[in-house]
């Protein structure tokens, strides 16, 4: 299967990139199954490659209390025939 390059940036409501947050993804139908969650690295931006499919992406912050989601969940279908880089911006929602 084709691997599609992917770049994920974490941005705040003003459009500023946020760094040192880990970006995760899972196939949409398997979002509730933790063993299918995969990391593509730290922002910003995180880069990697992914095979075709329909995925959900999110970013987390690691704290002394554990991991905490700090972005919206974002759906991204990836076409097996894609030829160009795919860029994804996740909205930063940390309180």
N, C-alpha and C. Protein backbone atom coordinates (compact mmCIF):
# COMPACT_ATOMS: atom_id res chain seq x y z
N UNK A 1 0.84 -1.19 0.00
CA UNK A 1 0.00 0.00 0.00
C UNK A 1 0.88 1.25 0.00
N UNK A 2 0.34 2.28 -0.58
CA UNK A 2 1.06 3.54 -0.69
C UNK A 2 1.21 4.20 0.67
N UNK A 3 2.41 4.67 0.98
CA UNK A 3 2.64 5.48 2.18
C UNK A 3 2.55 6.95 1.77
N UNK A 4 1.72 7.70 2.48
CA UNK A 4 1.52 9.12 2.18
C UNK A 4 2.24 9.95 3.24
N UNK A 5 3.12 10.89 2.83
CA UNK A 5 3.77 11.76 3.81
C UNK A 5 2.72 12.62 4.52
N UNK A 6 2.92 12.84 5.82
CA UNK A 6 1.96 13.59 6.61
C UNK A 6 2.69 14.56 7.53
N UNK A 7 2.21 15.78 7.60
CA UNK A 7 2.73 16.79 8.51
C UNK A 7 1.58 17.30 9.37
N UNK A 8 1.75 17.27 10.69
CA UNK A 8 0.69 17.71 11.61
C UNK A 8 1.23 18.84 12.47
N UNK A 9 0.53 19.97 12.46
CA UNK A 9 0.87 21.11 13.30
C UNK A 9 -0.22 21.31 14.34
N UNK A 10 0.17 21.72 15.53
CA UNK A 10 -0.77 22.04 16.60
C UNK A 10 -0.81 23.56 16.71
N UNK A 11 -1.98 24.15 16.48
CA UNK A 11 -2.09 25.61 16.50
C UNK A 11 -3.12 26.06 17.53
N UNK A 12 -2.86 27.24 18.12
CA UNK A 12 -3.83 27.80 19.06
C UNK A 12 -4.88 28.60 18.28
N UNK A 13 -5.93 29.10 18.94
CA UNK A 13 -6.99 29.83 18.22
C UNK A 13 -6.49 31.05 17.45
N UNK A 14 -5.33 31.60 17.81
CA UNK A 14 -4.76 32.74 17.10
C UNK A 14 -3.88 32.33 15.92
N UNK A 15 -3.71 31.01 15.71
CA UNK A 15 -2.91 30.52 14.59
C UNK A 15 -1.45 30.29 14.91
N UNK A 16 -1.05 30.42 16.18
CA UNK A 16 0.34 30.21 16.58
C UNK A 16 0.61 28.72 16.79
N UNK A 17 1.74 28.24 16.26
CA UNK A 17 2.10 26.84 16.44
C UNK A 17 2.54 26.58 17.87
N UNK A 18 2.14 25.41 18.38
CA UNK A 18 2.50 24.97 19.73
C UNK A 18 3.47 23.81 19.60
N UNK A 19 4.46 23.75 20.51
CA UNK A 19 5.43 22.67 20.42
C UNK A 19 5.43 21.81 21.67
N UNK A 20 6.13 20.69 21.55
CA UNK A 20 6.31 19.72 22.63
C UNK A 20 5.02 19.03 23.06
N UNK A 21 4.16 18.74 22.11
CA UNK A 21 2.97 17.93 22.33
C UNK A 21 3.04 16.75 21.38
N UNK A 22 2.61 15.60 21.84
CA UNK A 22 2.70 14.39 21.03
C UNK A 22 1.42 14.20 20.20
N UNK A 23 1.59 13.92 18.91
CA UNK A 23 0.46 13.70 18.01
C UNK A 23 0.21 12.20 17.88
N UNK A 24 -1.07 11.83 18.04
CA UNK A 24 -1.49 10.44 17.96
C UNK A 24 -2.54 10.26 16.89
N UNK A 25 -2.67 9.02 16.41
CA UNK A 25 -3.74 8.72 15.46
C UNK A 25 -4.19 7.28 15.65
N UNK A 26 -5.39 7.00 15.15
CA UNK A 26 -5.94 5.65 15.16
C UNK A 26 -6.92 5.54 14.00
N UNK A 27 -7.10 4.35 13.45
CA UNK A 27 -8.15 4.17 12.45
C UNK A 27 -9.50 4.55 13.09
N UNK A 28 -10.32 5.27 12.36
CA UNK A 28 -11.57 5.78 12.91
C UNK A 28 -12.41 4.68 13.57
N UNK A 29 -12.61 3.51 12.94
CA UNK A 29 -13.45 2.50 13.59
C UNK A 29 -12.83 1.91 14.86
N UNK A 30 -11.51 2.14 15.07
CA UNK A 30 -10.82 1.54 16.21
C UNK A 30 -10.36 2.57 17.23
N UNK A 31 -10.96 3.76 17.21
CA UNK A 31 -10.55 4.83 18.12
C UNK A 31 -10.65 4.42 19.58
N UNK A 32 -11.63 3.63 19.94
CA UNK A 32 -11.84 3.23 21.33
C UNK A 32 -10.93 2.09 21.77
N UNK A 33 -10.10 1.56 20.85
CA UNK A 33 -9.22 0.42 21.18
C UNK A 33 -7.79 0.93 21.29
N UNK A 34 -7.31 1.10 22.51
CA UNK A 34 -6.01 1.75 22.77
C UNK A 34 -4.84 1.08 22.05
N UNK A 35 -4.89 -0.23 21.83
CA UNK A 35 -3.74 -0.89 21.20
C UNK A 35 -3.55 -0.49 19.74
N UNK A 36 -4.55 0.18 19.14
CA UNK A 36 -4.41 0.66 17.76
C UNK A 36 -3.99 2.13 17.69
N UNK A 37 -3.78 2.77 18.83
CA UNK A 37 -3.31 4.16 18.85
C UNK A 37 -1.82 4.18 18.53
N UNK A 38 -1.43 5.10 17.63
CA UNK A 38 -0.03 5.22 17.22
C UNK A 38 0.41 6.68 17.31
N UNK A 39 1.65 6.89 17.69
CA UNK A 39 2.22 8.24 17.76
C UNK A 39 3.02 8.52 16.49
N UNK A 40 2.93 9.77 15.99
CA UNK A 40 3.83 10.14 14.88
C UNK A 40 4.87 11.15 15.34
N UNK A 41 4.94 11.41 16.64
CA UNK A 41 5.99 12.26 17.17
C UNK A 41 5.50 13.55 17.78
N UNK A 42 6.48 14.41 18.08
CA UNK A 42 6.19 15.68 18.76
C UNK A 42 5.95 16.79 17.76
N UNK A 43 5.11 17.77 18.16
CA UNK A 43 4.90 18.97 17.35
C UNK A 43 6.00 19.96 17.73
N UNK A 44 6.20 20.98 17.02
CA UNK A 44 5.45 21.27 15.85
C UNK A 44 6.40 21.60 14.72
N UNK A 45 6.19 21.03 13.57
CA UNK A 45 5.17 20.02 13.28
C UNK A 45 5.71 18.62 13.50
N UNK A 46 4.79 17.68 13.64
CA UNK A 46 5.14 16.25 13.67
C UNK A 46 5.07 15.75 12.23
N UNK A 47 5.99 14.89 11.87
CA UNK A 47 5.99 14.38 10.50
C UNK A 47 6.11 12.87 10.50
N UNK A 48 5.54 12.27 9.49
CA UNK A 48 5.62 10.83 9.34
C UNK A 48 4.97 10.43 8.04
N UNK A 49 4.69 9.16 7.91
CA UNK A 49 3.97 8.68 6.74
C UNK A 49 2.94 7.67 7.21
N UNK A 50 1.88 7.54 6.42
CA UNK A 50 0.75 6.72 6.83
C UNK A 50 0.14 6.07 5.60
N UNK A 51 -0.40 4.87 5.75
CA UNK A 51 -1.04 4.21 4.63
C UNK A 51 -2.47 4.74 4.47
N UNK A 52 -3.07 4.42 3.34
CA UNK A 52 -4.44 4.88 3.07
C UNK A 52 -5.40 4.38 4.14
N UNK A 53 -6.39 5.18 4.45
CA UNK A 53 -7.39 4.80 5.43
C UNK A 53 -8.12 6.03 5.95
N UNK A 54 -9.00 5.81 6.89
CA UNK A 54 -9.76 6.90 7.50
C UNK A 54 -9.34 6.97 8.98
N UNK A 55 -8.65 8.04 9.35
CA UNK A 55 -8.03 8.14 10.66
C UNK A 55 -8.61 9.28 11.48
N UNK A 56 -8.42 9.15 12.80
CA UNK A 56 -8.69 10.23 13.74
C UNK A 56 -7.35 10.62 14.36
N UNK A 57 -7.06 11.93 14.41
CA UNK A 57 -5.82 12.46 14.97
C UNK A 57 -6.12 13.32 16.19
N UNK A 58 -5.18 13.36 17.14
CA UNK A 58 -5.29 14.24 18.29
C UNK A 58 -3.90 14.46 18.86
N UNK A 59 -3.77 15.45 19.73
CA UNK A 59 -2.49 15.74 20.38
C UNK A 59 -2.66 15.63 21.89
N UNK A 60 -1.58 15.22 22.56
CA UNK A 60 -1.62 15.08 24.01
C UNK A 60 -0.43 15.79 24.64
N UNK A 61 -0.64 16.15 25.89
CA UNK A 61 0.42 16.72 26.71
C UNK A 61 0.75 15.70 27.79
N UNK A 62 2.02 15.49 28.07
CA UNK A 62 2.42 14.58 29.13
C UNK A 62 2.66 15.40 30.39
N UNK A 63 2.00 15.03 31.47
CA UNK A 63 2.14 15.73 32.76
C UNK A 63 2.47 14.70 33.83
N UNK A 64 2.73 15.17 35.04
CA UNK A 64 3.00 14.27 36.16
C UNK A 64 1.78 13.39 36.45
N UNK A 65 0.60 13.87 36.08
CA UNK A 65 -0.64 13.12 36.32
C UNK A 65 -0.96 12.16 35.17
N UNK A 66 -0.18 12.17 34.12
CA UNK A 66 -0.42 11.29 32.97
C UNK A 66 -0.64 12.10 31.70
N UNK A 67 -1.21 11.44 30.68
CA UNK A 67 -1.45 12.10 29.40
C UNK A 67 -2.78 12.84 29.45
N UNK A 68 -2.83 13.99 28.74
CA UNK A 68 -4.07 14.76 28.66
C UNK A 68 -4.24 15.25 27.24
N UNK A 69 -5.41 15.02 26.65
CA UNK A 69 -5.68 15.48 25.29
C UNK A 69 -5.76 17.00 25.30
N UNK A 70 -5.04 17.63 24.36
CA UNK A 70 -5.02 19.09 24.29
C UNK A 70 -5.40 19.60 22.90
N UNK A 71 -6.09 18.79 22.14
CA UNK A 71 -6.53 19.26 20.82
C UNK A 71 -7.88 18.65 20.51
N UNK A 72 -8.51 19.18 19.47
CA UNK A 72 -9.73 18.54 19.01
C UNK A 72 -9.37 17.23 18.30
N UNK A 73 -10.32 16.31 18.26
CA UNK A 73 -10.13 15.11 17.46
C UNK A 73 -10.44 15.48 16.02
N UNK A 74 -9.58 15.09 15.10
CA UNK A 74 -9.74 15.51 13.71
C UNK A 74 -9.72 14.29 12.81
N UNK A 75 -10.74 14.18 11.98
CA UNK A 75 -10.82 13.07 11.03
C UNK A 75 -10.03 13.42 9.78
N UNK A 76 -9.30 12.45 9.25
CA UNK A 76 -8.53 12.66 8.03
C UNK A 76 -8.56 11.40 7.18
N UNK A 77 -9.39 11.40 6.11
CA UNK A 77 -9.32 10.27 5.18
C UNK A 77 -8.09 10.45 4.28
N UNK A 78 -7.35 9.38 4.07
CA UNK A 78 -6.14 9.44 3.24
C UNK A 78 -6.33 8.49 2.06
N UNK A 79 -6.25 9.06 0.87
CA UNK A 79 -6.47 8.32 -0.37
C UNK A 79 -5.22 7.54 -0.74
N UNK A 80 -5.39 6.30 -1.15
CA UNK A 80 -4.27 5.45 -1.54
C UNK A 80 -3.53 5.99 -2.76
N UNK A 81 -4.18 6.85 -3.53
CA UNK A 81 -3.55 7.38 -4.75
C UNK A 81 -2.95 8.77 -4.54
N UNK A 82 -2.94 9.25 -3.30
CA UNK A 82 -2.42 10.60 -3.03
C UNK A 82 -0.94 10.68 -3.44
N UNK A 83 -0.58 11.79 -4.08
CA UNK A 83 0.80 11.98 -4.54
C UNK A 83 1.52 13.10 -3.79
N UNK A 84 0.76 13.99 -3.14
CA UNK A 84 1.36 15.16 -2.49
C UNK A 84 1.35 14.99 -0.97
N UNK A 85 2.18 15.80 -0.30
CA UNK A 85 2.17 15.81 1.16
C UNK A 85 0.78 16.19 1.65
N UNK A 86 0.39 15.60 2.75
CA UNK A 86 -0.86 15.94 3.40
C UNK A 86 -0.52 16.71 4.66
N UNK A 87 -1.10 17.92 4.81
CA UNK A 87 -0.87 18.74 5.99
C UNK A 87 -2.16 18.78 6.81
N UNK A 88 -2.03 18.73 8.12
CA UNK A 88 -3.17 18.73 9.02
C UNK A 88 -2.88 19.68 10.16
N UNK A 89 -3.79 20.61 10.44
CA UNK A 89 -3.68 21.50 11.59
C UNK A 89 -4.68 21.06 12.65
N UNK A 90 -4.17 20.80 13.85
CA UNK A 90 -5.04 20.48 14.98
C UNK A 90 -5.19 21.73 15.83
N UNK A 91 -6.40 22.03 16.26
CA UNK A 91 -6.64 23.20 17.09
C UNK A 91 -6.25 22.91 18.54
N UNK A 92 -5.45 23.78 19.10
CA UNK A 92 -4.97 23.68 20.48
C UNK A 92 -6.09 24.12 21.42
N UNK A 93 -6.51 23.27 22.37
CA UNK A 93 -7.63 23.63 23.26
C UNK A 93 -7.24 23.56 24.73
N UNK A 94 -5.98 23.62 25.05
CA UNK A 94 -5.55 23.54 26.46
C UNK A 94 -6.19 24.66 27.27
N UNK A 95 -6.64 24.32 28.48
CA UNK A 95 -7.27 25.32 29.35
C UNK A 95 -6.24 25.99 30.23
